[in-house]
Amino acid sequence: MRHPVRILVVDPQAGEARRVATALGEAGFETTVCTGAEDATRLATTFRPDLAMLEQCLGGQVDGIGLARRLRAEGDPLLMFVTRDATVHSRLAGFEAGADDYVVKPYVVEELVARVRALLRRAGRTDSRVSHVGDVVIDELAHRALVDGCAVELGPTDFALLAVLARHAGHVLSKRRLLDLVWGYDTLEENRVEVHVSILRRRLGPAGARLIRTVRGVGYVLREDDRSQLQVS
């Protein structure tokens, strides 16, 4: 199951941020916006963006450069500065902070969207490795799972199982299929899947019990939608 790339737009001009987010949404991306570094830092822990578009000139104690460093420390989003600061010093500072691209205002929105697409293609991120099902966020690049914004400690196998279920959210996967996708072969005992599903539900707490469903005689599915929309894979 493909997930749309998630883009965080940070600009102190709320109208400008919404205009960019609308264009990106129409292009098929999932977006969220904010106007300052503190809000962006908080949003990033739950939204887990694949790409952050930052104005370098932010109000408050943290500017765009500081925010870029924060976001890179917390995860591994691509960074694009979209800013009114065109000086060579600012460009160099942006790239030193980890920027993958630098766009100077004013710009043509269509060209900005095209540059986003080109950046994502170069980075091999044409779809998101972040899944969001109910209260659970799974960030495969950061190897991190969150429930209600709080990190959950998972072993490698349990995280791999959760990631597979999230990639196929809404699809019922048989035990044999899960053995193949998680362990790489389907000759192991099927009760191994049962054991790790039980561990995963326990580690995720109430959210795990609610979202990881057993379909008797078929397999398991991660879902929050209506049962009538289930598909078998």
Protein backbone atom coordinates (compact mmCIF):
# COMPACT_ATOMS: atom_id res chain seq x y z
CA MET A 1 0.00 0.00 0.00
CA ARG A 2 1.51 3.34 -1.08
CA HIS A 3 1.34 6.28 1.30
CA PRO A 4 1.45 9.87 0.01
CA VAL A 5 4.61 11.81 0.80
CA ARG A 6 4.14 13.97 3.89
CA ILE A 7 5.29 17.60 3.69
CA LEU A 8 5.55 20.08 6.56
CA VAL A 9 5.31 23.72 5.42
CA VAL A 10 6.73 26.28 7.87
CA ASP A 11 6.25 29.97 7.09
CA PRO A 12 5.46 32.90 9.43
CA GLN A 13 3.05 34.17 6.78
CA ALA A 14 0.04 31.90 7.35
CA GLY A 15 -1.55 32.79 4.01
CA GLU A 16 1.63 31.92 2.15
CA ALA A 17 1.92 28.60 3.98
CA ARG A 18 -1.69 27.69 3.16
CA ARG A 19 -1.23 28.64 -0.51
CA VAL A 20 1.77 26.32 -0.84
CA ALA A 21 0.07 23.54 1.11
CA THR A 22 -3.01 23.75 -1.11
CA ALA A 23 -0.91 23.41 -4.27
CA LEU A 24 1.00 20.47 -2.78
CA GLY A 25 -2.25 18.83 -1.69
CA GLU A 26 -3.64 19.14 -5.22
CA ALA A 27 -0.43 17.48 -6.46
CA GLY A 28 -1.14 14.45 -4.26
CA PHE A 29 0.98 15.18 -1.21
CA GLU A 30 -0.18 15.11 2.41
CA THR A 31 0.59 18.44 4.05
CA THR A 32 0.40 20.29 7.33
CA VAL A 33 1.37 23.89 8.05
CA CYS A 34 2.61 26.01 10.92
CA THR A 35 4.07 29.48 11.36
CA GLY A 36 6.89 29.05 13.89
CA ALA A 37 9.75 26.82 14.95
CA GLU A 38 8.25 25.67 18.24
CA ASP A 39 5.00 24.53 16.62
CA ALA A 40 6.99 22.87 13.83
CA THR A 41 9.10 20.93 16.33
CA ARG A 42 5.99 19.66 18.10
CA LEU A 43 4.20 18.79 14.85
CA ALA A 44 7.18 16.90 13.50
CA THR A 45 7.05 14.37 16.35
CA THR A 46 3.56 13.26 15.35
CA PHE A 47 3.32 14.13 11.65
CA ARG A 48 6.79 12.70 10.83
CA PRO A 49 7.32 14.62 7.56
CA ASP A 50 9.27 13.17 4.63
CA LEU A 51 10.08 16.73 3.54
CA ALA A 52 10.10 20.02 5.45
CA MET A 53 9.80 23.32 3.56
CA LEU A 54 11.21 26.10 5.73
CA GLU A 55 11.31 29.87 5.66
CA GLN A 56 14.73 30.84 6.98
CA CYS A 57 13.46 34.08 8.52
CA LEU A 58 11.23 32.86 11.35
CA GLY A 59 10.16 34.92 14.33
CA GLY A 60 10.95 33.79 17.86
CA GLN A 61 14.12 32.43 19.40
CA VAL A 62 14.74 29.74 16.75
CA ASP A 63 15.22 30.64 13.09
CA GLY A 64 14.95 28.38 10.07
CA ILE A 65 18.56 27.21 10.40
CA GLY A 66 18.03 26.16 14.01
CA LEU A 67 14.77 24.45 13.07
CA ALA A 68 16.47 22.54 10.26
CA ARG A 69 19.03 21.18 12.72
CA ARG A 70 16.27 20.21 15.18
CA LEU A 71 14.31 18.34 12.52
CA ARG A 72 17.39 16.46 11.35
CA ALA A 73 18.23 15.52 14.94
CA GLU A 74 14.73 14.15 15.53
CA GLY A 75 14.30 12.32 12.22
CA ASP A 76 15.57 12.35 8.67
CA PRO A 77 13.31 14.58 6.57
CA LEU A 78 14.49 16.15 3.36
CA LEU A 79 14.90 19.91 3.83
CA MET A 80 13.99 22.65 1.37
CA PHE A 81 14.39 26.30 2.27
CA VAL A 82 11.77 28.50 0.61
CA THR A 83 12.80 31.93 1.80
CA ARG A 84 13.01 35.63 1.03
CA ASP A 85 16.68 35.71 2.09
CA ALA A 86 18.71 35.55 -1.13
CA THR A 87 22.18 36.38 0.23
CA VAL A 88 25.08 34.04 -0.43
CA HIS A 89 25.75 33.85 3.32
CA SER A 90 22.20 32.62 3.97
CA ARG A 91 22.36 30.08 1.15
CA LEU A 92 25.62 28.67 2.51
CA ALA A 93 24.20 28.58 6.03
CA GLY A 94 21.16 26.70 4.73
CA PHE A 95 23.21 24.06 2.97
CA GLU A 96 25.52 23.70 5.97
CA ALA A 97 22.39 23.01 8.09
CA GLY A 98 21.52 20.14 5.76
CA ALA A 99 19.32 21.75 3.11
CA ASP A 100 18.67 19.60 0.04
CA ASP A 101 17.38 22.56 -2.00
CA TYR A 102 17.07 26.34 -1.63
CA VAL A 103 14.36 28.41 -3.33
CA VAL A 104 14.22 32.21 -3.16
CA LYS A 105 10.92 34.09 -3.02
CA PRO A 106 9.07 35.15 -5.06
CA TYR A 107 8.53 31.92 -6.97
CA VAL A 108 6.02 30.34 -9.32
CA VAL A 109 4.00 27.76 -7.37
CA GLU A 110 3.98 25.28 -10.27
CA GLU A 111 7.77 25.41 -10.44
CA LEU A 112 8.01 24.94 -6.69
CA VAL A 113 5.88 21.79 -6.88
CA ALA A 114 8.04 20.53 -9.77
CA ARG A 115 11.17 21.07 -7.69
CA VAL A 116 9.61 19.15 -4.80
CA ARG A 117 8.90 16.23 -7.14
CA ALA A 118 12.44 16.33 -8.54
CA LEU A 119 13.96 16.39 -5.05
CA LEU A 120 11.86 13.42 -3.93
CA ARG A 121 12.81 11.45 -7.06
CA ARG A 122 16.51 12.11 -6.51
CA ALA A 123 16.20 10.95 -2.91
CA GLY A 124 14.19 7.87 -3.86
CA ARG A 125 11.23 8.98 -1.75
CA THR A 126 8.38 8.87 -4.26
CA ASP A 127 6.12 7.50 -1.54
CA SER A 128 6.21 7.91 2.21
CA ARG A 129 7.77 5.42 4.59
CA VAL A 130 5.57 6.88 7.33
CA SER A 131 2.27 5.16 8.05
CA HIS A 132 -0.46 6.61 10.25
CA VAL A 133 -3.21 4.24 11.39
CA GLY A 134 -5.44 5.50 14.17
CA ASP A 135 -3.28 6.61 17.10
CA VAL A 136 -0.21 4.78 15.77
CA VAL A 137 2.52 6.34 13.59
CA ILE A 138 5.17 4.09 12.05
CA ASP A 139 8.29 5.81 10.69
CA GLU A 140 10.31 3.17 8.86
CA LEU A 141 13.28 5.40 8.02
CA ALA A 142 13.72 6.41 11.66
CA HIS A 143 12.77 2.88 12.82
CA ARG A 144 10.35 4.45 15.26
CA ALA A 145 6.78 3.77 16.37
CA LEU A 146 4.64 6.31 18.20
CA VAL A 147 1.33 5.95 20.02
CA ASP A 148 -0.38 9.25 20.76
CA GLY A 149 2.96 10.94 20.06
CA CYS A 150 4.91 8.81 22.54
CA ALA A 151 7.68 6.48 21.34
CA VAL A 152 7.17 2.75 21.87
CA GLU A 153 10.15 0.43 22.29
CA LEU A 154 9.98 -2.44 19.80
CA GLY A 155 12.49 -5.12 18.88
CA PRO A 156 13.57 -5.47 15.22
CA THR A 157 11.16 -8.30 14.44
CA ASP A 158 8.19 -6.66 16.13
CA PHE A 159 8.87 -3.37 14.36
CA ALA A 160 9.19 -5.18 11.01
CA LEU A 161 5.86 -6.92 11.65
CA LEU A 162 4.17 -3.61 12.50
CA ALA A 163 5.65 -1.95 9.40
CA VAL A 164 4.37 -4.74 7.14
CA LEU A 165 0.90 -4.57 8.65
CA ALA A 166 0.92 -0.77 8.22
CA ARG A 167 2.04 -0.97 4.58
CA HIS A 168 -0.91 -3.27 3.97
CA ALA A 169 -3.37 -1.46 6.25
CA GLY A 170 -6.92 -2.62 5.54
CA HIS A 171 -5.68 -5.83 3.90
CA VAL A 172 -5.92 -9.14 5.74
CA LEU A 173 -2.58 -10.98 5.63
CA SER A 174 -2.39 -14.71 6.26
CA LYS A 175 0.17 -16.12 8.67
CA ARG A 176 2.05 -17.63 5.74
CA ARG A 177 2.14 -14.29 3.98
CA LEU A 178 3.42 -12.57 7.12
CA LEU A 179 6.11 -15.21 7.55
CA ASP A 180 7.24 -14.48 4.00
CA LEU A 181 7.14 -10.66 4.30
CA VAL A 182 8.67 -10.36 7.79
CA TRP A 183 11.00 -13.35 8.09
CA GLY A 184 11.70 -13.88 4.39
CA TYR A 185 10.33 -17.40 4.10
CA ASP A 186 7.16 -19.27 5.00
CA THR A 187 8.53 -22.54 6.37
CA LEU A 188 8.58 -21.48 10.03
CA GLU A 189 5.84 -22.50 12.41
CA GLU A 190 2.81 -20.26 12.05
CA ASN A 191 2.57 -19.88 15.83
CA ARG A 192 5.65 -17.65 15.63
CA VAL A 193 3.41 -15.04 13.99
CA GLU A 194 0.86 -15.43 16.79
CA VAL A 195 3.56 -14.88 19.41
CA HIS A 196 4.83 -11.66 17.82
CA VAL A 197 1.33 -10.31 17.17
CA SER A 198 0.61 -10.84 20.87
CA ILE A 199 3.83 -9.01 21.82
CA LEU A 200 3.00 -6.17 19.44
CA ARG A 201 -0.49 -5.72 20.84
CA ARG A 202 0.88 -5.63 24.37
CA ARG A 203 3.62 -3.11 23.54
CA LEU A 204 1.19 -0.79 21.73
CA GLY A 205 -1.30 -0.94 24.61
CA PRO A 206 -4.99 -0.21 24.01
CA ALA A 207 -4.23 1.07 20.51
CA GLY A 208 -2.67 -2.28 19.58
CA ALA A 209 -5.62 -4.26 20.87
CA ARG A 210 -8.00 -2.00 18.98
CA LEU A 211 -6.16 -1.75 15.64
CA ILE A 212 -4.55 -5.17 15.14
CA ARG A 213 -7.50 -7.41 14.34
CA THR A 214 -7.67 -11.19 14.02
CA VAL A 215 -9.78 -12.43 11.12
CA ARG A 216 -10.48 -16.00 12.10
CA GLY A 217 -9.44 -18.58 9.57
CA VAL A 218 -7.72 -15.94 7.44
CA GLY A 219 -5.05 -13.93 9.29
CA TYR A 220 -4.39 -10.46 10.71
CA VAL A 221 -5.10 -6.90 9.64
CA LEU A 222 -4.17 -3.44 10.90
CA ARG A 223 -7.20 -1.22 10.46
CA GLU A 224 -9.42 1.42 11.94
CA ASP A 225 -12.05 1.48 9.21
CA ASP A 226 -15.28 -0.44 8.70
CA ARG A 227 -15.01 -4.21 8.32
CA SER A 228 -16.83 -4.04 4.98
CA GLN A 229 -13.77 -2.35 3.48
CA LEU A 230 -11.37 -5.18 4.32
CA GLN A 231 -9.45 -6.86 1.51
CA VAL A 232 -7.59 -10.17 1.57
CA SER A 233 -3.97 -10.25 0.34
